[in-house]
Amino acid sequence: MELTRDAEKMICTIYKEYLTRRKNGVPKNQAKQFNDFETWSKELFPNELTEDVKATSCEMCKAFGIRMYMNCGFILNDAAIIYMENRFKNGLSEVLSFLAQFIP
């Protein structure tokens, strides 16, 4: 699967949040929910322009076949989780190492 650098960063950040939620005891179905765009976009991408986050989330959702709501919210699907599990076999620590390259 080919993703732009921004979409790759986004799916990794979303997956990191999913893993963190699971580690904190959040049930799987609830941990997959990113329904409120205003909340998750500001928490996970505070330094990004809102329009850029929307555009990148559309790209990411299209790539993984994730249904996006009109408010740009979504529920992480199994295809995205499987992709990330195969990419980062060591879980959260490996995802964090990858995301560190995006920190200026």
Protein backbone atom coordinates (compact mmCIF):
# COMPACT_ATOMS: atom_id res chain seq x y z
CA MET A 1 0.00 0.00 0.00
CA GLU A 2 1.31 3.41 -0.93
CA LEU A 3 0.57 6.41 1.24
CA THR A 4 1.88 9.94 1.24
CA ARG A 5 4.22 10.85 4.08
CA ASP A 6 1.39 12.79 5.77
CA ALA A 7 -1.03 9.86 5.55
CA GLU A 8 1.66 7.50 6.85
CA LYS A 9 2.23 9.80 9.82
CA MET A 10 -1.51 10.00 10.42
CA ILE A 11 -2.19 6.26 10.40
CA CYS A 12 0.78 5.71 12.71
CA THR A 13 -0.46 8.40 15.10
CA ILE A 14 -4.00 7.02 15.02
CA TYR A 15 -2.68 3.49 15.60
CA LYS A 16 -0.53 4.74 18.50
CA GLU A 17 -3.63 6.29 20.06
CA TYR A 18 -5.55 3.04 19.52
CA LEU A 19 -2.78 1.02 21.22
CA THR A 20 -2.59 3.50 24.10
CA ARG A 21 -6.34 3.29 24.63
CA ARG A 22 -6.18 -0.52 24.63
CA LYS A 23 -3.25 -0.46 27.08
CA ASN A 24 -5.38 1.75 29.36
CA GLY A 25 -8.20 -0.78 29.38
CA VAL A 26 -10.51 0.78 26.81
CA PRO A 27 -12.61 -1.90 25.06
CA LYS A 28 -11.55 -2.60 21.46
CA ASN A 29 -14.72 -1.26 19.82
CA GLN A 30 -14.45 1.99 21.77
CA ALA A 31 -10.69 2.32 21.19
CA LYS A 32 -11.30 2.24 17.42
CA GLN A 33 -13.61 5.24 17.50
CA PHE A 34 -12.39 8.59 16.25
CA ASN A 35 -15.88 9.99 15.82
CA ASP A 36 -15.37 13.59 16.88
CA PHE A 37 -13.03 15.24 14.40
CA GLU A 38 -12.70 18.42 16.46
CA THR A 39 -11.44 16.44 19.45
CA TRP A 40 -9.08 13.91 17.88
CA SER A 41 -7.63 16.31 15.33
CA LYS A 42 -6.71 18.87 17.99
CA GLU A 43 -5.37 16.25 20.41
CA LEU A 44 -3.34 14.27 17.88
CA PHE A 45 -2.38 16.98 15.38
CA PRO A 46 -2.36 20.28 17.30
CA ASN A 47 0.17 21.98 15.00
CA GLU A 48 -1.52 21.05 11.73
CA LEU A 49 -4.00 23.13 9.77
CA THR A 50 -7.55 21.81 10.10
CA GLU A 51 -7.99 21.62 6.33
CA ASP A 52 -4.76 19.64 5.99
CA VAL A 53 -5.86 17.18 8.67
CA LYS A 54 -9.19 16.74 6.88
CA ALA A 55 -7.51 16.16 3.53
CA THR A 56 -5.04 13.68 4.97
CA SER A 57 -7.73 11.83 6.89
CA CYS A 58 -9.72 11.50 3.65
CA GLU A 59 -6.65 10.03 1.94
CA MET A 60 -6.00 7.64 4.83
CA CYS A 61 -9.61 6.50 5.01
CA LYS A 62 -9.75 5.91 1.26
CA ALA A 63 -6.53 3.88 1.33
CA PHE A 64 -7.83 1.55 4.04
CA GLY A 65 -11.49 1.48 3.02
CA ILE A 66 -12.53 3.25 6.21
CA ARG A 67 -15.97 4.86 6.12
CA MET A 68 -15.64 8.54 6.96
CA TYR A 69 -18.56 10.44 8.45
CA MET A 70 -19.67 13.84 7.22
CA ASN A 71 -17.94 15.44 10.23
CA CYS A 72 -14.64 13.72 9.22
CA GLY A 73 -14.90 11.24 12.07
CA PHE A 74 -14.34 7.53 11.50
CA ILE A 75 -13.95 4.15 13.15
CA LEU A 76 -10.60 2.45 12.61
CA ASN A 77 -11.21 -0.78 10.70
CA ASP A 78 -9.54 -4.18 10.81
CA ALA A 79 -7.69 -3.60 7.52
CA ALA A 80 -5.85 -0.60 8.97
CA ILE A 81 -5.08 -2.41 12.23
CA ILE A 82 -3.77 -5.48 10.38
CA TYR A 83 -1.59 -3.27 8.17
CA MET A 84 -0.11 -1.60 11.25
CA GLU A 85 0.33 -4.88 13.16
CA ASN A 86 2.28 -6.30 10.23
CA ARG A 87 4.32 -3.13 9.88
CA PHE A 88 5.18 -2.74 13.58
CA LYS A 89 5.58 -6.22 14.99
CA ASN A 90 6.87 -4.87 18.35
CA GLY A 91 3.80 -2.73 18.94
CA LEU A 92 3.72 0.63 20.66
CA SER A 93 7.46 1.06 21.25
CA GLU A 94 8.22 0.56 17.57
CA VAL A 95 5.44 2.96 16.52
CA LEU A 96 6.81 5.60 18.90
CA SER A 97 10.29 5.19 17.45
CA PHE A 98 8.92 5.65 13.95
CA LEU A 99 6.91 8.75 14.92
CA ALA A 100 9.97 10.32 16.56
CA GLN A 101 11.36 11.10 13.11
CA PHE A 102 8.48 13.54 12.55
CA ILE A 103 9.30 15.62 15.63
CA PRO A 104 11.33 18.68 14.62
